[in-house]
């Protein structure tokens, strides 16, 4: 069952998807699937390769920007920003619950100078809370506007 949550006009976050969810992603107009979950977190999760193969078979682009237990840093924020910028259409980012994908999207948006309150409101409307990273969002947005 799909649970694609709209973060913006072109970005959705989702809890773990299965290869069978790729058809729904394609039907929703998704062009790029971003995997923010490292392999092996849970026994029941499909591998990134399984999702990648399903995406490619459906004609969708795929990239992996895993965020593990150690969290994320500038490398992942930069990779997310680049992936979003290069996407040839709407993007679906997923992890276990969608939270890491939303937090990474939030940081990438702030890095581009988007208003932190707008970022937080978009995440909240999708059912996600960026409070744990709000200071970093504020700092990145301020840096982008300087």
N, C-alpha and C. Protein backbone atom coordinates (compact mmCIF):
# COMPACT_ATOMS: atom_id res chain seq x y z
N UNK A 1 0.84 -1.19 0.00
CA UNK A 1 0.00 0.00 0.00
C UNK A 1 0.88 1.25 0.00
N UNK A 2 0.61 2.14 -0.89
CA UNK A 2 1.44 3.33 -1.02
C UNK A 2 1.00 4.41 -0.03
N UNK A 3 1.96 5.19 0.41
CA UNK A 3 1.72 6.30 1.33
C UNK A 3 2.65 7.44 0.92
N UNK A 4 2.43 7.96 -0.29
CA UNK A 4 3.25 9.03 -0.81
C UNK A 4 2.71 10.35 -0.25
N UNK A 5 3.55 11.06 0.51
CA UNK A 5 3.13 12.29 1.16
C UNK A 5 3.79 13.49 0.50
N UNK A 6 2.99 14.43 0.07
CA UNK A 6 3.46 15.60 -0.69
C UNK A 6 4.21 16.58 0.22
N UNK A 7 5.47 16.84 -0.12
CA UNK A 7 6.26 17.87 0.55
C UNK A 7 6.25 19.17 -0.23
N UNK A 8 6.15 19.04 -1.55
CA UNK A 8 6.11 20.20 -2.43
C UNK A 8 5.41 19.76 -3.72
N UNK A 9 5.33 20.66 -4.68
CA UNK A 9 4.70 20.31 -5.95
C UNK A 9 5.44 19.18 -6.66
N UNK A 10 6.72 19.01 -6.34
CA UNK A 10 7.51 18.02 -7.08
C UNK A 10 8.21 16.97 -6.22
N UNK A 11 7.97 16.98 -4.91
CA UNK A 11 8.65 16.03 -4.02
C UNK A 11 7.65 15.39 -3.07
N UNK A 12 7.78 14.06 -2.98
CA UNK A 12 6.97 13.27 -2.06
C UNK A 12 7.91 12.48 -1.16
N UNK A 13 7.49 12.25 0.07
CA UNK A 13 8.22 11.37 0.99
C UNK A 13 7.31 10.18 1.27
N UNK A 14 7.94 9.06 1.58
CA UNK A 14 7.17 7.85 1.83
C UNK A 14 7.87 6.95 2.83
N UNK A 15 7.08 6.22 3.62
CA UNK A 15 7.66 5.11 4.34
C UNK A 15 8.16 4.07 3.34
N UNK A 16 8.85 3.07 3.82
CA UNK A 16 9.43 2.02 2.98
C UNK A 16 8.48 1.61 1.84
N UNK A 17 9.00 1.61 0.64
CA UNK A 17 8.23 1.12 -0.50
C UNK A 17 8.71 -0.27 -0.85
N UNK A 18 7.88 -0.97 -1.58
CA UNK A 18 8.19 -2.31 -2.07
C UNK A 18 8.31 -2.22 -3.58
N UNK A 19 8.95 -3.19 -4.23
CA UNK A 19 9.04 -3.14 -5.69
C UNK A 19 7.68 -2.96 -6.36
N UNK A 20 6.63 -3.54 -5.80
CA UNK A 20 5.30 -3.39 -6.38
C UNK A 20 4.74 -1.98 -6.31
N UNK A 21 5.29 -1.14 -5.43
CA UNK A 21 4.84 0.25 -5.32
C UNK A 21 5.35 1.13 -6.45
N UNK A 22 6.31 0.65 -7.18
CA UNK A 22 6.88 1.44 -8.27
C UNK A 22 5.83 1.75 -9.33
N UNK A 23 4.91 0.82 -9.59
CA UNK A 23 3.84 1.08 -10.56
C UNK A 23 2.99 2.27 -10.13
N UNK A 24 2.69 2.35 -8.83
CA UNK A 24 1.92 3.49 -8.31
C UNK A 24 2.72 4.78 -8.42
N UNK A 25 4.02 4.68 -8.19
CA UNK A 25 4.87 5.86 -8.33
C UNK A 25 4.87 6.35 -9.78
N UNK A 26 4.99 5.43 -10.70
CA UNK A 26 4.96 5.81 -12.13
C UNK A 26 3.62 6.43 -12.48
N UNK A 27 2.54 5.83 -12.00
CA UNK A 27 1.20 6.35 -12.27
C UNK A 27 1.01 7.75 -11.68
N UNK A 28 1.71 8.03 -10.58
CA UNK A 28 1.64 9.35 -9.95
C UNK A 28 2.54 10.37 -10.64
N UNK A 29 3.27 9.94 -11.67
CA UNK A 29 4.13 10.85 -12.41
C UNK A 29 5.53 10.97 -11.87
N UNK A 30 5.90 10.12 -10.94
CA UNK A 30 7.25 10.18 -10.37
C UNK A 30 8.28 9.88 -11.47
N UNK A 31 9.36 10.65 -11.47
CA UNK A 31 10.44 10.45 -12.43
C UNK A 31 11.69 9.87 -11.77
N UNK A 32 11.87 10.17 -10.46
CA UNK A 32 13.06 9.75 -9.74
C UNK A 32 12.68 9.20 -8.37
N UNK A 33 13.22 8.04 -8.04
CA UNK A 33 13.05 7.44 -6.72
C UNK A 33 14.37 7.59 -5.98
N UNK A 34 14.32 8.19 -4.78
CA UNK A 34 15.51 8.36 -3.96
C UNK A 34 15.38 7.47 -2.73
N UNK A 35 16.33 6.58 -2.55
CA UNK A 35 16.36 5.67 -1.42
C UNK A 35 17.24 6.26 -0.33
N UNK A 36 16.64 6.63 0.80
CA UNK A 36 17.40 7.17 1.93
C UNK A 36 17.60 6.15 3.04
N UNK A 37 17.34 4.89 2.74
CA UNK A 37 17.45 3.84 3.76
C UNK A 37 18.58 2.89 3.41
N UNK A 38 19.53 2.69 4.32
CA UNK A 38 20.58 1.71 4.03
C UNK A 38 20.02 0.30 4.05
N UNK A 39 20.61 -0.57 3.25
CA UNK A 39 20.22 -1.97 3.26
C UNK A 39 20.49 -2.57 4.62
N UNK A 40 19.66 -3.56 4.99
CA UNK A 40 19.91 -4.33 6.19
C UNK A 40 19.39 -3.76 7.49
N UNK A 41 18.62 -2.69 7.44
CA UNK A 41 18.06 -2.15 8.69
C UNK A 41 17.02 -3.08 9.31
N UNK A 42 16.29 -3.77 8.45
CA UNK A 42 15.26 -4.69 8.92
C UNK A 42 15.21 -5.89 7.99
N UNK A 43 14.88 -7.04 8.54
CA UNK A 43 14.85 -8.26 7.74
C UNK A 43 13.79 -8.23 6.65
N UNK A 44 12.71 -7.48 6.87
CA UNK A 44 11.60 -7.48 5.91
C UNK A 44 11.70 -6.41 4.83
N UNK A 45 12.74 -5.60 4.85
CA UNK A 45 12.85 -4.55 3.84
C UNK A 45 13.48 -5.09 2.56
N UNK A 46 12.99 -4.64 1.41
CA UNK A 46 13.65 -5.02 0.17
C UNK A 46 15.01 -4.33 0.06
N UNK A 47 15.90 -4.90 -0.70
CA UNK A 47 17.20 -4.26 -0.89
C UNK A 47 17.05 -3.06 -1.82
N UNK A 48 18.02 -2.18 -1.73
CA UNK A 48 18.03 -1.05 -2.65
C UNK A 48 18.09 -1.53 -4.09
N UNK A 49 18.82 -2.60 -4.35
CA UNK A 49 18.93 -3.14 -5.71
C UNK A 49 17.57 -3.60 -6.23
N UNK A 50 16.75 -4.17 -5.36
CA UNK A 50 15.41 -4.60 -5.79
C UNK A 50 14.56 -3.40 -6.20
N UNK A 51 14.61 -2.35 -5.41
CA UNK A 51 13.85 -1.14 -5.74
C UNK A 51 14.43 -0.49 -7.00
N UNK A 52 15.75 -0.45 -7.08
CA UNK A 52 16.39 0.13 -8.25
C UNK A 52 15.99 -0.62 -9.52
N UNK A 53 16.03 -1.94 -9.48
CA UNK A 53 15.64 -2.73 -10.66
C UNK A 53 14.20 -2.46 -11.05
N UNK A 54 13.30 -2.43 -10.07
CA UNK A 54 11.89 -2.16 -10.36
C UNK A 54 11.71 -0.77 -10.96
N UNK A 55 12.44 0.21 -10.42
CA UNK A 55 12.35 1.58 -10.94
C UNK A 55 12.83 1.62 -12.39
N UNK A 56 13.98 1.02 -12.65
CA UNK A 56 14.52 1.05 -14.01
C UNK A 56 13.61 0.31 -14.99
N UNK A 57 13.04 -0.82 -14.55
CA UNK A 57 12.11 -1.55 -15.41
C UNK A 57 10.88 -0.71 -15.76
N UNK A 58 10.49 0.18 -14.85
CA UNK A 58 9.34 1.06 -15.08
C UNK A 58 9.72 2.34 -15.80
N UNK A 59 11.02 2.50 -16.08
CA UNK A 59 11.47 3.70 -16.77
C UNK A 59 11.72 4.89 -15.86
N UNK A 60 11.88 4.62 -14.57
CA UNK A 60 12.14 5.69 -13.61
C UNK A 60 13.62 5.72 -13.25
N UNK A 61 14.10 6.90 -12.92
CA UNK A 61 15.46 7.04 -12.42
C UNK A 61 15.49 6.65 -10.94
N UNK A 62 16.67 6.32 -10.47
CA UNK A 62 16.84 5.87 -9.08
C UNK A 62 18.19 6.36 -8.59
N UNK A 63 18.24 6.77 -7.33
CA UNK A 63 19.53 7.02 -6.69
C UNK A 63 19.41 6.69 -5.20
N UNK A 64 20.53 6.33 -4.63
CA UNK A 64 20.58 5.98 -3.20
C UNK A 64 21.42 7.01 -2.47
N UNK A 65 20.82 7.59 -1.43
CA UNK A 65 21.51 8.50 -0.53
C UNK A 65 21.18 7.99 0.87
N UNK A 66 21.84 6.91 1.28
CA UNK A 66 21.47 6.29 2.56
C UNK A 66 21.82 7.16 3.77
N UNK A 67 20.90 7.12 4.73
CA UNK A 67 21.08 7.82 5.99
C UNK A 67 20.94 6.77 7.08
N UNK A 68 22.06 6.40 7.69
CA UNK A 68 22.05 5.37 8.72
C UNK A 68 21.89 5.93 10.11
N UNK A 69 22.18 5.10 11.08
CA UNK A 69 22.03 5.47 12.48
C UNK A 69 22.89 6.63 12.92
N UNK A 70 23.98 6.89 12.21
CA UNK A 70 24.85 8.00 12.57
C UNK A 70 24.28 9.34 12.11
N UNK A 71 23.18 9.31 11.39
CA UNK A 71 22.58 10.55 10.91
C UNK A 71 23.15 10.98 9.57
N UNK A 72 22.96 12.23 9.26
CA UNK A 72 23.43 12.74 7.98
C UNK A 72 24.25 13.99 8.17
N UNK A 73 25.02 14.28 7.15
CA UNK A 73 25.88 15.45 7.18
C UNK A 73 25.82 16.18 5.86
N UNK A 74 26.78 17.03 5.68
CA UNK A 74 26.82 17.87 4.48
C UNK A 74 26.86 17.04 3.19
N UNK A 75 27.51 15.88 3.23
CA UNK A 75 27.61 15.04 2.03
C UNK A 75 26.22 14.61 1.56
N UNK A 76 25.39 14.14 2.48
CA UNK A 76 24.05 13.71 2.11
C UNK A 76 23.16 14.89 1.72
N UNK A 77 23.30 16.02 2.40
CA UNK A 77 22.51 17.20 2.05
C UNK A 77 22.85 17.64 0.64
N UNK A 78 24.13 17.69 0.33
CA UNK A 78 24.58 18.07 -1.01
C UNK A 78 24.07 17.08 -2.05
N UNK A 79 24.17 15.80 -1.77
CA UNK A 79 23.70 14.78 -2.71
C UNK A 79 22.19 14.90 -2.94
N UNK A 80 21.44 15.15 -1.88
CA UNK A 80 19.99 15.31 -2.02
C UNK A 80 19.67 16.53 -2.86
N UNK A 81 20.33 17.65 -2.58
CA UNK A 81 20.10 18.87 -3.35
C UNK A 81 20.40 18.64 -4.82
N UNK A 82 21.50 17.97 -5.10
CA UNK A 82 21.86 17.70 -6.50
C UNK A 82 20.86 16.77 -7.17
N UNK A 83 20.42 15.74 -6.46
CA UNK A 83 19.45 14.80 -7.03
C UNK A 83 18.13 15.51 -7.33
N UNK A 84 17.67 16.33 -6.41
CA UNK A 84 16.42 17.05 -6.63
C UNK A 84 16.55 18.02 -7.79
N UNK A 85 17.69 18.70 -7.86
CA UNK A 85 17.92 19.67 -8.92
C UNK A 85 18.00 19.00 -10.29
N UNK A 86 18.57 17.81 -10.35
CA UNK A 86 18.77 17.12 -11.63
C UNK A 86 17.56 16.29 -12.06
N UNK A 87 16.59 16.12 -11.17
CA UNK A 87 15.44 15.26 -11.49
C UNK A 87 14.67 15.80 -12.69
N UNK A 88 14.25 14.86 -13.51
CA UNK A 88 13.51 15.20 -14.72
C UNK A 88 12.01 15.05 -14.48
N UNK A 89 11.56 15.54 -13.33
CA UNK A 89 10.16 15.44 -12.96
C UNK A 89 10.03 15.20 -11.47
N UNK A 90 8.83 14.86 -11.02
CA UNK A 90 8.59 14.66 -9.59
C UNK A 90 9.45 13.55 -8.99
N UNK A 91 9.72 13.70 -7.69
CA UNK A 91 10.62 12.82 -6.96
C UNK A 91 9.87 12.16 -5.80
N UNK A 92 10.17 10.88 -5.59
CA UNK A 92 9.69 10.15 -4.42
C UNK A 92 10.91 9.72 -3.62
N UNK A 93 11.03 10.23 -2.39
CA UNK A 93 12.12 9.84 -1.50
C UNK A 93 11.53 8.98 -0.40
N UNK A 94 12.22 7.89 -0.06
CA UNK A 94 11.69 7.00 0.98
C UNK A 94 12.79 6.53 1.92
N UNK A 95 12.33 6.13 3.11
CA UNK A 95 13.16 5.49 4.13
C UNK A 95 12.22 4.61 4.94
N UNK A 96 12.54 4.28 6.15
CA UNK A 96 11.65 3.40 6.93
C UNK A 96 10.29 4.04 7.16
N UNK A 97 10.28 5.30 7.63
CA UNK A 97 9.02 5.97 7.94
C UNK A 97 8.75 7.19 7.07
N UNK A 98 9.75 7.63 6.34
CA UNK A 98 9.66 8.87 5.57
C UNK A 98 10.29 10.05 6.29
N UNK A 99 10.61 9.87 7.57
CA UNK A 99 11.15 10.98 8.35
C UNK A 99 12.54 11.39 7.86
N UNK A 100 13.45 10.44 7.70
CA UNK A 100 14.80 10.81 7.24
C UNK A 100 14.74 11.49 5.88
N UNK A 101 13.87 10.98 5.00
CA UNK A 101 13.72 11.60 3.68
C UNK A 101 13.23 13.04 3.81
N UNK A 102 12.26 13.25 4.70
CA UNK A 102 11.73 14.60 4.90
C UNK A 102 12.77 15.52 5.52
N UNK A 103 13.51 15.02 6.49
CA UNK A 103 14.54 15.85 7.12
C UNK A 103 15.64 16.21 6.11
N UNK A 104 16.02 15.26 5.30
CA UNK A 104 17.06 15.52 4.30
C UNK A 104 16.55 16.51 3.25
N UNK A 105 15.31 16.34 2.82
CA UNK A 105 14.69 17.30 1.90
C UNK A 105 14.68 18.69 2.52
N UNK A 106 14.31 18.77 3.81
CA UNK A 106 14.24 20.06 4.50
C UNK A 106 15.59 20.76 4.50
N UNK A 107 16.63 20.02 4.82
CA UNK A 107 17.97 20.59 4.83
C UNK A 107 18.41 21.03 3.44
N UNK A 108 18.08 20.23 2.43
CA UNK A 108 18.42 20.59 1.05
C UNK A 108 17.69 21.86 0.62
N UNK A 109 16.42 21.99 1.03
CA UNK A 109 15.65 23.19 0.71
C UNK A 109 16.23 24.41 1.41
N UNK A 110 16.59 24.26 2.67
CA UNK A 110 17.19 25.37 3.41
C UNK A 110 18.50 25.80 2.78
N UNK A 111 19.28 24.82 2.35
CA UNK A 111 20.56 25.09 1.70
C UNK A 111 20.38 25.96 0.46
N UNK A 112 19.21 25.83 -0.18
CA UNK A 112 18.90 26.62 -1.38
C UNK A 112 18.27 27.97 -1.02
N UNK A 113 18.07 28.23 0.28
CA UNK A 113 17.57 29.53 0.71
C UNK A 113 16.07 29.60 0.93
N UNK A 114 15.38 28.48 0.90
CA UNK A 114 13.94 28.50 1.13
C UNK A 114 13.65 28.86 2.58
N UNK A 115 12.54 29.53 2.83
CA UNK A 115 12.15 29.98 4.15
C UNK A 115 11.93 28.80 5.10
N UNK A 116 12.61 28.80 6.25
CA UNK A 116 12.47 27.70 7.21
C UNK A 116 11.03 27.46 7.69
N UNK A 117 10.26 28.54 7.86
CA UNK A 117 8.88 28.36 8.30
C UNK A 117 8.06 27.64 7.22
N UNK A 118 8.31 27.94 5.96
CA UNK A 118 7.61 27.27 4.86
C UNK A 118 8.02 25.79 4.79
N UNK A 119 9.29 25.53 5.00
CA UNK A 119 9.78 24.15 5.00
C UNK A 119 9.09 23.37 6.12
N UNK A 120 9.08 23.94 7.32
CA UNK A 120 8.47 23.27 8.47
C UNK A 120 6.98 23.03 8.24
N UNK A 121 6.30 24.02 7.66
CA UNK A 121 4.86 23.88 7.41
C UNK A 121 4.58 22.79 6.38
N UNK A 122 5.41 22.71 5.35
CA UNK A 122 5.23 21.67 4.33
C UNK A 122 5.44 20.29 4.93
N UNK A 123 6.48 20.16 5.74
CA UNK A 123 6.74 18.88 6.39
C UNK A 123 5.60 18.52 7.34
N UNK A 124 5.12 19.49 8.11
CA UNK A 124 4.02 19.24 9.05
C UNK A 124 2.76 18.82 8.31
N UNK A 125 2.47 19.46 7.18
CA UNK A 125 1.28 19.10 6.40
C UNK A 125 1.36 17.67 5.89
N UNK A 126 2.58 17.16 5.71
CA UNK A 126 2.77 15.79 5.26
C UNK A 126 2.85 14.81 6.44
N UNK A 127 2.78 15.34 7.66
CA UNK A 127 2.80 14.49 8.84
C UNK A 127 4.17 14.29 9.46
N UNK A 128 5.12 15.17 9.14
CA UNK A 128 6.47 15.05 9.66
C UNK A 128 6.86 16.29 10.45
N UNK A 129 7.70 16.12 11.44
CA UNK A 129 8.14 17.18 12.33
C UNK A 129 9.64 17.40 12.16
N UNK A 130 10.04 18.62 11.77
CA UNK A 130 11.46 18.89 11.58
C UNK A 130 12.10 19.55 12.79
N UNK A 131 11.38 19.61 13.91
CA UNK A 131 11.92 20.25 15.11
C UNK A 131 13.33 19.80 15.47
N UNK A 132 13.66 18.50 15.39
CA UNK A 132 15.02 18.08 15.77
C UNK A 132 16.14 18.72 14.93
N UNK A 133 15.82 19.13 13.71
CA UNK A 133 16.85 19.72 12.85
C UNK A 133 16.59 21.19 12.56
N UNK A 134 15.62 21.78 13.22
CA UNK A 134 15.25 23.16 12.92
C UNK A 134 16.44 24.12 13.04
N UNK A 135 17.30 24.00 14.07
CA UNK A 135 18.46 24.91 14.11
C UNK A 135 19.35 24.80 12.85
N UNK A 136 19.54 23.60 12.36
CA UNK A 136 20.35 23.42 11.14
C UNK A 136 19.63 24.00 9.93
N UNK A 137 18.32 23.84 9.86
CA UNK A 137 17.54 24.42 8.76
C UNK A 137 17.69 25.94 8.78
N UNK A 138 17.52 26.52 9.96
CA UNK A 138 17.66 27.98 10.08
C UNK A 138 19.05 28.45 9.67
N UNK A 139 20.08 27.72 10.12
CA UNK A 139 21.45 28.10 9.80
C UNK A 139 21.73 27.99 8.30
N UNK A 140 21.30 26.91 7.68
CA UNK A 140 21.54 26.74 6.23
C UNK A 140 20.80 27.79 5.42
N UNK A 141 19.57 28.10 5.81
CA UNK A 141 18.80 29.12 5.09
C UNK A 141 19.46 30.48 5.23
N UNK A 142 19.92 30.80 6.43
CA UNK A 142 20.60 32.09 6.66
C UNK A 142 21.89 32.16 5.85
N UNK A 143 22.62 31.07 5.82
CA UNK A 143 23.87 31.03 5.05
C UNK A 143 23.58 31.23 3.56
N UNK A 144 22.51 30.63 3.06
CA UNK A 144 22.18 30.75 1.64
C UNK A 144 21.77 32.18 1.27
N UNK A 145 21.18 32.87 2.22
CA UNK A 145 20.73 34.25 1.94
C UNK A 145 21.82 35.28 2.17
N UNK A 146 22.92 34.88 2.78
CA UNK A 146 23.99 35.84 3.09
C UNK A 146 24.79 36.21 1.85
